[in-house]
Amino acid sequence: MARLARLLALSFGAGLSPVWPGTVGAALGLPLAAALLPLQLPVQIAALALVFAVGVWASAVVARDTGEEDPQIVVIDETFGAAAVLIALPEHPVWWIAGFIAFRAFDILKPWPVDWVQDRVKGGLGIMADDAAAAAYAIALLGPLPAALAFLF
């Protein structure tokens, strides 16, 4: 089970990238979001909830095995967060690029309460939850814009 947890927590090896493993892990959120797009919204939400739950378990196993609280190689949280943002935006390259950048910015900068979640929530839940909070920020920032722009133009 530890090998399966490592495979999943590292998003199938993305966490081993020598350069920007978090960004590489987030990039895997693009094909995940693309795969979820044809599905109904409840199924998309259920799939993301499943990824979140698996991420909590897998990242907790890897954290325990490495002895690190939030190992840099664990990137399933970034994969989940990016996919969650992209699912919430229109299927268009401009929106997806903006969503990806916004998610990574909030994940890296960690404005409150993202930093609070990272500091206070421990274990696999903490590893996943701060990226969920960063995704929520990105969705809150970008989510209303397509409708507002459509109204204006």
N, C-alpha and C. Protein backbone atom coordinates (compact mmCIF):
# COMPACT_ATOMS: atom_id res chain seq x y z
N MET A 1 0.82 -1.20 0.00
CA MET A 1 0.00 0.00 0.00
C MET A 1 0.87 1.26 0.00
N ALA A 2 2.04 1.19 0.62
CA ALA A 2 2.92 2.37 0.66
C ALA A 2 3.37 2.75 -0.74
N ARG A 3 3.59 1.76 -1.59
CA ARG A 3 4.01 2.06 -2.97
C ARG A 3 2.88 2.73 -3.75
N LEU A 4 1.66 2.25 -3.56
CA LEU A 4 0.51 2.87 -4.20
C LEU A 4 0.33 4.31 -3.70
N ALA A 5 0.45 4.50 -2.39
CA ALA A 5 0.32 5.84 -1.82
C ALA A 5 1.37 6.77 -2.41
N ARG A 6 2.59 6.29 -2.54
CA ARG A 6 3.67 7.13 -3.10
C ARG A 6 3.37 7.47 -4.56
N LEU A 7 2.92 6.50 -5.33
CA LEU A 7 2.60 6.72 -6.74
C LEU A 7 1.53 7.80 -6.87
N LEU A 8 0.50 7.73 -6.04
CA LEU A 8 -0.59 8.69 -6.10
C LEU A 8 -0.19 10.05 -5.53
N ALA A 9 0.48 10.05 -4.39
CA ALA A 9 0.88 11.31 -3.76
C ALA A 9 1.82 12.11 -4.65
N LEU A 10 2.66 11.42 -5.39
CA LEU A 10 3.60 12.08 -6.29
C LEU A 10 2.99 12.34 -7.67
N SER A 11 1.69 12.16 -7.78
CA SER A 11 0.98 12.34 -9.05
C SER A 11 1.73 11.64 -10.19
N PHE A 12 1.93 10.35 -9.96
CA PHE A 12 2.54 9.47 -10.96
C PHE A 12 3.94 9.92 -11.36
N GLY A 13 4.67 10.50 -10.41
CA GLY A 13 6.07 10.86 -10.64
C GLY A 13 6.31 12.34 -10.83
N ALA A 14 5.27 13.14 -10.99
CA ALA A 14 5.45 14.59 -11.19
C ALA A 14 6.21 15.22 -10.02
N GLY A 15 6.01 14.69 -8.83
CA GLY A 15 6.68 15.23 -7.65
C GLY A 15 8.18 15.02 -7.65
N LEU A 16 8.67 14.19 -8.55
CA LEU A 16 10.11 13.96 -8.65
C LEU A 16 10.78 14.92 -9.62
N SER A 17 10.02 15.84 -10.20
CA SER A 17 10.60 16.80 -11.12
C SER A 17 11.69 17.60 -10.41
N PRO A 18 12.86 17.73 -11.04
CA PRO A 18 13.94 18.49 -10.40
C PRO A 18 13.68 20.00 -10.41
N VAL A 19 12.74 20.44 -11.23
CA VAL A 19 12.41 21.86 -11.32
C VAL A 19 10.92 22.03 -11.06
N TRP A 20 10.58 22.88 -10.11
CA TRP A 20 9.20 23.25 -9.80
C TRP A 20 8.24 22.06 -9.73
N PRO A 21 8.46 21.13 -8.82
CA PRO A 21 7.58 19.96 -8.76
C PRO A 21 6.12 20.33 -8.49
N GLY A 22 5.86 21.37 -7.73
CA GLY A 22 4.48 21.78 -7.48
C GLY A 22 3.78 22.25 -8.74
N THR A 23 4.50 22.98 -9.57
CA THR A 23 3.92 23.45 -10.83
C THR A 23 3.72 22.28 -11.79
N VAL A 24 4.66 21.35 -11.80
CA VAL A 24 4.51 20.16 -12.64
C VAL A 24 3.31 19.34 -12.16
N GLY A 25 3.16 19.21 -10.85
CA GLY A 25 2.00 18.51 -10.31
C GLY A 25 0.71 19.22 -10.65
N ALA A 26 0.71 20.54 -10.57
CA ALA A 26 -0.48 21.31 -10.93
C ALA A 26 -0.81 21.14 -12.41
N ALA A 27 0.21 21.03 -13.25
CA ALA A 27 -0.01 20.84 -14.69
C ALA A 27 -0.80 19.56 -14.96
N LEU A 28 -0.64 18.56 -14.09
CA LEU A 28 -1.42 17.34 -14.27
C LEU A 28 -2.90 17.54 -13.95
N GLY A 29 -3.22 18.67 -13.33
CA GLY A 29 -4.62 19.01 -13.12
C GLY A 29 -5.33 19.33 -14.42
N LEU A 30 -4.58 19.75 -15.44
CA LEU A 30 -5.20 20.06 -16.74
C LEU A 30 -5.82 18.83 -17.38
N PRO A 31 -5.07 17.73 -17.56
CA PRO A 31 -5.73 16.55 -18.15
C PRO A 31 -6.82 15.97 -17.24
N LEU A 32 -6.65 16.10 -15.93
CA LEU A 32 -7.71 15.63 -15.02
C LEU A 32 -8.98 16.44 -15.25
N ALA A 33 -8.85 17.76 -15.30
CA ALA A 33 -10.02 18.61 -15.55
C ALA A 33 -10.62 18.31 -16.92
N ALA A 34 -9.78 18.13 -17.93
CA ALA A 34 -10.28 17.83 -19.27
C ALA A 34 -11.06 16.51 -19.28
N ALA A 35 -10.59 15.54 -18.52
CA ALA A 35 -11.27 14.24 -18.46
C ALA A 35 -12.62 14.37 -17.74
N LEU A 36 -12.71 15.29 -16.80
CA LEU A 36 -13.95 15.46 -16.04
C LEU A 36 -14.98 16.33 -16.75
N LEU A 37 -14.55 17.16 -17.69
CA LEU A 37 -15.46 18.09 -18.35
C LEU A 37 -16.71 17.48 -18.96
N PRO A 38 -16.62 16.34 -19.65
CA PRO A 38 -17.84 15.80 -20.26
C PRO A 38 -18.86 15.26 -19.25
N LEU A 39 -18.47 15.13 -18.01
CA LEU A 39 -19.33 14.55 -16.99
C LEU A 39 -20.26 15.60 -16.40
N GLN A 40 -21.36 15.15 -15.83
CA GLN A 40 -22.30 16.03 -15.16
C GLN A 40 -21.64 16.63 -13.91
N LEU A 41 -22.07 17.82 -13.51
CA LEU A 41 -21.49 18.51 -12.37
C LEU A 41 -21.42 17.65 -11.10
N PRO A 42 -22.49 16.93 -10.73
CA PRO A 42 -22.38 16.10 -9.52
C PRO A 42 -21.28 15.05 -9.62
N VAL A 43 -21.09 14.50 -10.81
CA VAL A 43 -20.03 13.49 -10.99
C VAL A 43 -18.66 14.16 -10.92
N GLN A 44 -18.54 15.35 -11.48
CA GLN A 44 -17.28 16.10 -11.39
C GLN A 44 -16.92 16.37 -9.93
N ILE A 45 -17.91 16.81 -9.17
CA ILE A 45 -17.69 17.11 -7.75
C ILE A 45 -17.32 15.84 -6.99
N ALA A 46 -18.00 14.75 -7.28
CA ALA A 46 -17.69 13.47 -6.62
C ALA A 46 -16.27 13.01 -6.97
N ALA A 47 -15.89 13.17 -8.23
CA ALA A 47 -14.54 12.76 -8.65
C ALA A 47 -13.48 13.61 -7.95
N LEU A 48 -13.72 14.91 -7.86
CA LEU A 48 -12.76 15.77 -7.16
C LEU A 48 -12.71 15.44 -5.67
N ALA A 49 -13.86 15.12 -5.08
CA ALA A 49 -13.89 14.72 -3.67
C ALA A 49 -13.10 13.43 -3.47
N LEU A 50 -13.21 12.52 -4.43
CA LEU A 50 -12.45 11.27 -4.35
C LEU A 50 -10.94 11.55 -4.45
N VAL A 51 -10.55 12.42 -5.38
CA VAL A 51 -9.13 12.78 -5.49
C VAL A 51 -8.65 13.41 -4.19
N PHE A 52 -9.48 14.27 -3.60
CA PHE A 52 -9.12 14.90 -2.34
C PHE A 52 -8.92 13.84 -1.25
N ALA A 53 -9.88 12.93 -1.13
CA ALA A 53 -9.80 11.89 -0.09
C ALA A 53 -8.59 10.98 -0.30
N VAL A 54 -8.36 10.58 -1.54
CA VAL A 54 -7.19 9.75 -1.84
C VAL A 54 -5.92 10.54 -1.53
N GLY A 55 -5.94 11.83 -1.84
CA GLY A 55 -4.78 12.68 -1.55
C GLY A 55 -4.49 12.79 -0.07
N VAL A 56 -5.53 12.89 0.74
CA VAL A 56 -5.34 12.93 2.20
C VAL A 56 -4.64 11.66 2.66
N TRP A 57 -5.13 10.52 2.22
CA TRP A 57 -4.53 9.25 2.62
C TRP A 57 -3.11 9.11 2.09
N ALA A 58 -2.93 9.32 0.79
CA ALA A 58 -1.62 9.08 0.17
C ALA A 58 -0.57 10.05 0.69
N SER A 59 -0.92 11.31 0.84
CA SER A 59 0.07 12.27 1.33
C SER A 59 0.43 12.01 2.79
N ALA A 60 -0.53 11.54 3.57
CA ALA A 60 -0.24 11.20 4.97
C ALA A 60 0.75 10.03 5.03
N VAL A 61 0.57 9.04 4.17
CA VAL A 61 1.49 7.90 4.15
C VAL A 61 2.90 8.36 3.77
N VAL A 62 3.01 9.18 2.72
CA VAL A 62 4.33 9.64 2.28
C VAL A 62 4.97 10.55 3.33
N ALA A 63 4.18 11.40 3.95
CA ALA A 63 4.70 12.27 5.01
C ALA A 63 5.25 11.42 6.16
N ARG A 64 4.51 10.40 6.54
CA ARG A 64 4.97 9.51 7.61
C ARG A 64 6.25 8.80 7.21
N ASP A 65 6.29 8.28 5.98
CA ASP A 65 7.45 7.52 5.53
C ASP A 65 8.70 8.37 5.37
N THR A 66 8.53 9.65 5.00
CA THR A 66 9.68 10.53 4.82
C THR A 66 10.06 11.26 6.10
N GLY A 67 9.14 11.29 7.07
CA GLY A 67 9.39 12.02 8.30
C GLY A 67 9.25 13.53 8.13
N GLU A 68 8.69 13.96 7.01
CA GLU A 68 8.49 15.39 6.76
C GLU A 68 7.00 15.71 6.90
N GLU A 69 6.72 16.91 7.40
CA GLU A 69 5.33 17.32 7.60
C GLU A 69 4.60 17.52 6.27
N ASP A 70 5.27 18.14 5.30
CA ASP A 70 4.68 18.39 3.97
C ASP A 70 5.79 18.19 2.93
N PRO A 71 6.05 16.95 2.56
CA PRO A 71 7.16 16.68 1.63
C PRO A 71 6.97 17.37 0.29
N GLN A 72 8.03 17.95 -0.22
CA GLN A 72 7.97 18.66 -1.50
C GLN A 72 7.60 17.72 -2.64
N ILE A 73 7.88 16.44 -2.50
CA ILE A 73 7.57 15.49 -3.57
C ILE A 73 6.08 15.19 -3.67
N VAL A 74 5.33 15.49 -2.62
CA VAL A 74 3.87 15.27 -2.64
C VAL A 74 3.23 16.41 -3.43
N VAL A 75 2.64 16.07 -4.57
CA VAL A 75 2.04 17.10 -5.43
C VAL A 75 0.59 16.77 -5.82
N ILE A 76 0.01 15.73 -5.24
CA ILE A 76 -1.38 15.43 -5.54
C ILE A 76 -2.28 16.60 -5.11
N ASP A 77 -1.83 17.35 -4.10
CA ASP A 77 -2.59 18.51 -3.67
C ASP A 77 -2.63 19.59 -4.75
N GLU A 78 -1.53 19.79 -5.45
CA GLU A 78 -1.51 20.74 -6.56
C GLU A 78 -2.33 20.23 -7.75
N THR A 79 -2.25 18.93 -8.01
CA THR A 79 -3.04 18.35 -9.10
C THR A 79 -4.52 18.56 -8.82
N PHE A 80 -4.94 18.25 -7.61
CA PHE A 80 -6.33 18.45 -7.21
C PHE A 80 -6.74 19.91 -7.33
N GLY A 81 -5.94 20.81 -6.75
CA GLY A 81 -6.29 22.23 -6.72
C GLY A 81 -6.44 22.83 -8.10
N ALA A 82 -5.49 22.52 -8.98
CA ALA A 82 -5.57 23.05 -10.35
C ALA A 82 -6.81 22.51 -11.06
N ALA A 83 -7.08 21.23 -10.92
CA ALA A 83 -8.26 20.64 -11.58
C ALA A 83 -9.54 21.28 -11.06
N ALA A 84 -9.62 21.51 -9.76
CA ALA A 84 -10.82 22.12 -9.18
C ALA A 84 -11.06 23.52 -9.75
N VAL A 85 -9.99 24.29 -9.90
CA VAL A 85 -10.13 25.63 -10.46
C VAL A 85 -10.58 25.55 -11.91
N LEU A 86 -9.95 24.71 -12.69
CA LEU A 86 -10.25 24.65 -14.12
C LEU A 86 -11.67 24.17 -14.39
N ILE A 87 -12.16 23.25 -13.59
CA ILE A 87 -13.54 22.76 -13.75
C ILE A 87 -14.54 23.89 -13.53
N ALA A 88 -14.17 24.86 -12.68
CA ALA A 88 -15.08 25.96 -12.35
C ALA A 88 -15.08 27.06 -13.40
N LEU A 89 -14.16 27.00 -14.36
CA LEU A 89 -14.03 28.06 -15.36
C LEU A 89 -14.49 27.58 -16.73
N PRO A 90 -14.78 28.52 -17.63
CA PRO A 90 -15.14 28.11 -19.00
C PRO A 90 -14.01 27.33 -19.67
N GLU A 91 -14.39 26.40 -20.51
CA GLU A 91 -13.41 25.59 -21.22
C GLU A 91 -12.85 26.41 -22.40
N HIS A 92 -11.85 27.20 -22.08
CA HIS A 92 -11.20 28.04 -23.07
C HIS A 92 -9.76 28.25 -22.60
N PRO A 93 -8.81 28.22 -23.52
CA PRO A 93 -7.40 28.35 -23.12
C PRO A 93 -7.10 29.59 -22.28
N VAL A 94 -7.71 30.71 -22.59
CA VAL A 94 -7.44 31.94 -21.83
C VAL A 94 -7.87 31.77 -20.37
N TRP A 95 -9.06 31.21 -20.17
CA TRP A 95 -9.55 31.02 -18.79
C TRP A 95 -8.73 29.97 -18.06
N TRP A 96 -8.34 28.91 -18.76
CA TRP A 96 -7.56 27.87 -18.11
C TRP A 96 -6.16 28.35 -17.75
N ILE A 97 -5.57 29.14 -18.61
CA ILE A 97 -4.25 29.71 -18.29
C ILE A 97 -4.38 30.65 -17.08
N ALA A 98 -5.40 31.51 -17.12
CA ALA A 98 -5.62 32.42 -15.99
C ALA A 98 -5.89 31.64 -14.70
N GLY A 99 -6.68 30.58 -14.79
CA GLY A 99 -6.98 29.76 -13.62
C GLY A 99 -5.76 29.08 -13.07
N PHE A 100 -4.94 28.55 -13.96
CA PHE A 100 -3.70 27.88 -13.54
C PHE A 100 -2.79 28.87 -12.83
N ILE A 101 -2.60 30.04 -13.43
CA ILE A 101 -1.72 31.04 -12.84
C ILE A 101 -2.27 31.53 -11.50
N ALA A 102 -3.56 31.79 -11.45
CA ALA A 102 -4.17 32.27 -10.19
C ALA A 102 -4.02 31.22 -9.10
N PHE A 103 -4.28 29.96 -9.44
CA PHE A 103 -4.13 28.90 -8.43
C PHE A 103 -2.71 28.83 -7.91
N ARG A 104 -1.75 28.80 -8.82
CA ARG A 104 -0.34 28.71 -8.40
C ARG A 104 0.05 29.93 -7.57
N ALA A 105 -0.42 31.10 -7.96
CA ALA A 105 -0.09 32.32 -7.20
C ALA A 105 -0.62 32.22 -5.77
N PHE A 106 -1.89 31.83 -5.62
CA PHE A 106 -2.45 31.72 -4.27
C PHE A 106 -1.80 30.59 -3.49
N ASP A 107 -1.41 29.52 -4.16
CA ASP A 107 -0.75 28.40 -3.49
C ASP A 107 0.64 28.81 -3.01
N ILE A 108 1.34 29.59 -3.79
CA ILE A 108 2.70 30.01 -3.42
C ILE A 108 2.67 31.14 -2.40
N LEU A 109 1.83 32.16 -2.63
CA LEU A 109 1.78 33.33 -1.75
C LEU A 109 1.08 33.05 -0.43
N LYS A 110 0.15 32.12 -0.44
CA LYS A 110 -0.58 31.68 0.74
C LYS A 110 -1.17 32.83 1.56
N PRO A 111 -2.08 33.62 0.96
CA PRO A 111 -2.75 34.66 1.75
C PRO A 111 -3.64 34.02 2.81
N TRP A 112 -3.99 34.80 3.84
CA TRP A 112 -4.87 34.27 4.86
C TRP A 112 -6.21 33.93 4.22
N PRO A 113 -6.84 32.83 4.48
CA PRO A 113 -6.55 31.81 5.48
C PRO A 113 -5.76 30.62 4.94
N VAL A 114 -5.23 30.71 3.72
CA VAL A 114 -4.44 29.60 3.19
C VAL A 114 -3.26 29.31 4.10
N ASP A 115 -2.57 30.36 4.55
CA ASP A 115 -1.43 30.16 5.44
C ASP A 115 -1.87 29.60 6.79
N TRP A 116 -3.04 30.04 7.27
CA TRP A 116 -3.56 29.54 8.53
C TRP A 116 -3.83 28.04 8.43
N VAL A 117 -4.45 27.63 7.33
CA VAL A 117 -4.74 26.20 7.11
C VAL A 117 -3.42 25.42 7.08
N GLN A 118 -2.44 25.93 6.34
CA GLN A 118 -1.16 25.24 6.25
C GLN A 118 -0.49 25.11 7.63
N ASP A 119 -0.59 26.15 8.44
CA ASP A 119 0.07 26.14 9.75
C ASP A 119 -0.69 25.34 10.80
N ARG A 120 -2.00 25.28 10.71
CA ARG A 120 -2.80 24.70 11.79
C ARG A 120 -3.32 23.28 11.51
N VAL A 121 -3.60 22.97 10.27
CA VAL A 121 -4.17 21.65 9.96
C VAL A 121 -3.00 20.73 9.59
N LYS A 122 -2.88 19.66 10.29
CA LYS A 122 -1.72 18.78 10.14
C LYS A 122 -2.06 17.51 9.36
N GLY A 123 -1.03 16.80 8.99
CA GLY A 123 -1.18 15.51 8.33
C GLY A 123 -1.64 15.65 6.89
N GLY A 124 -2.15 14.57 6.36
CA GLY A 124 -2.61 14.54 4.99
C GLY A 124 -3.72 15.54 4.72
N LEU A 125 -4.60 15.75 5.70
CA LEU A 125 -5.67 16.72 5.54
C LEU A 125 -5.09 18.12 5.36
N GLY A 126 -4.08 18.45 6.13
CA GLY A 126 -3.44 19.76 6.01
C GLY A 126 -2.75 19.95 4.68
N ILE A 127 -2.09 18.89 4.20
CA ILE A 127 -1.41 18.96 2.91
C ILE A 127 -2.41 19.27 1.80
N MET A 128 -3.56 18.64 1.85
CA MET A 128 -4.57 18.83 0.82
C MET A 128 -5.38 20.12 1.04
N ALA A 129 -5.67 20.46 2.28
CA ALA A 129 -6.60 21.56 2.57
C ALA A 129 -6.05 22.92 2.19
N ASP A 130 -4.75 23.16 2.33
CA ASP A 130 -4.27 24.49 1.97
C ASP A 130 -4.36 24.70 0.46
N ASP A 131 -4.21 23.65 -0.32
CA ASP A 131 -4.37 23.79 -1.77
C ASP A 131 -5.84 23.93 -2.15
N ALA A 132 -6.72 23.31 -1.38
CA ALA A 132 -8.16 23.52 -1.60
C ALA A 132 -8.52 24.97 -1.31
N ALA A 133 -7.92 25.55 -0.27
CA ALA A 133 -8.16 26.95 0.05
C ALA A 133 -7.61 27.86 -1.05
N ALA A 134 -6.42 27.55 -1.57
CA ALA A 134 -5.85 28.33 -2.67
C ALA A 134 -6.74 28.23 -3.91
N ALA A 135 -7.29 27.06 -4.16
CA ALA A 135 -8.21 26.87 -5.29
C ALA A 135 -9.47 27.70 -5.08
N ALA A 136 -9.97 27.74 -3.86
CA ALA A 136 -11.17 28.53 -3.58
C ALA A 136 -10.92 30.01 -3.85
N TYR A 137 -9.74 30.50 -3.48
CA TYR A 137 -9.38 31.88 -3.79
C TYR A 137 -9.38 32.12 -5.29
N ALA A 138 -8.75 31.23 -6.04
CA ALA A 138 -8.67 31.40 -7.50
C ALA A 138 -10.06 31.37 -8.12
N ILE A 139 -10.92 30.49 -7.65
CA ILE A 139 -12.29 30.40 -8.16
C ILE A 139 -13.06 31.67 -7.80
N ALA A 140 -12.89 32.16 -6.57
CA ALA A 140 -13.59 33.38 -6.16
C ALA A 140 -13.14 34.58 -6.99
N LEU A 141 -11.86 34.61 -7.35
CA LEU A 141 -11.34 35.72 -8.14
C LEU A 141 -11.81 35.65 -9.59
N LEU A 142 -11.69 34.47 -10.19
CA LEU A 142 -11.96 34.34 -11.62
C LEU A 142 -13.37 33.89 -11.97
N GLY A 143 -14.00 33.15 -11.09
CA GLY A 143 -15.30 32.56 -11.39
C GLY A 143 -16.35 33.54 -11.89
N PRO A 144 -16.51 34.70 -11.26
CA PRO A 144 -17.53 35.65 -11.71
C PRO A 144 -17.18 36.40 -13.01
N LEU A 145 -15.93 36.40 -13.39
CA LEU A 145 -15.50 37.21 -14.53
C LEU A 145 -16.14 36.83 -15.87
N PRO A 146 -16.26 35.56 -16.23
CA PRO A 146 -16.87 35.25 -17.54
C PRO A 146 -18.28 35.83 -17.68
N ALA A 147 -19.09 35.71 -16.66
CA ALA A 147 -20.46 36.25 -16.73
C ALA A 147 -20.43 37.77 -16.78
N ALA A 148 -19.54 38.39 -16.00
CA ALA A 148 -19.46 39.85 -16.00
C ALA A 148 -18.98 40.35 -17.36
N LEU A 149 -18.02 39.68 -17.95
CA LEU A 149 -17.53 40.10 -19.27
C LEU A 149 -18.58 39.89 -20.35
N ALA A 150 -19.32 38.80 -20.25
CA ALA A 150 -20.40 38.54 -21.22
C ALA A 150 -21.47 39.62 -21.11
N PHE A 151 -21.75 40.05 -19.88
CA PHE A 151 -22.74 41.10 -19.68
C PHE A 151 -22.28 42.43 -20.27
N LEU A 152 -20.99 42.71 -20.12
CA LEU A 152 -20.45 43.99 -20.61
C LEU A 152 -20.30 44.03 -22.13
N PHE A 153 -20.04 42.88 -22.71
CA PHE A 153 -19.79 42.87 -24.16
C PHE A 153 -20.89 42.15 -24.84
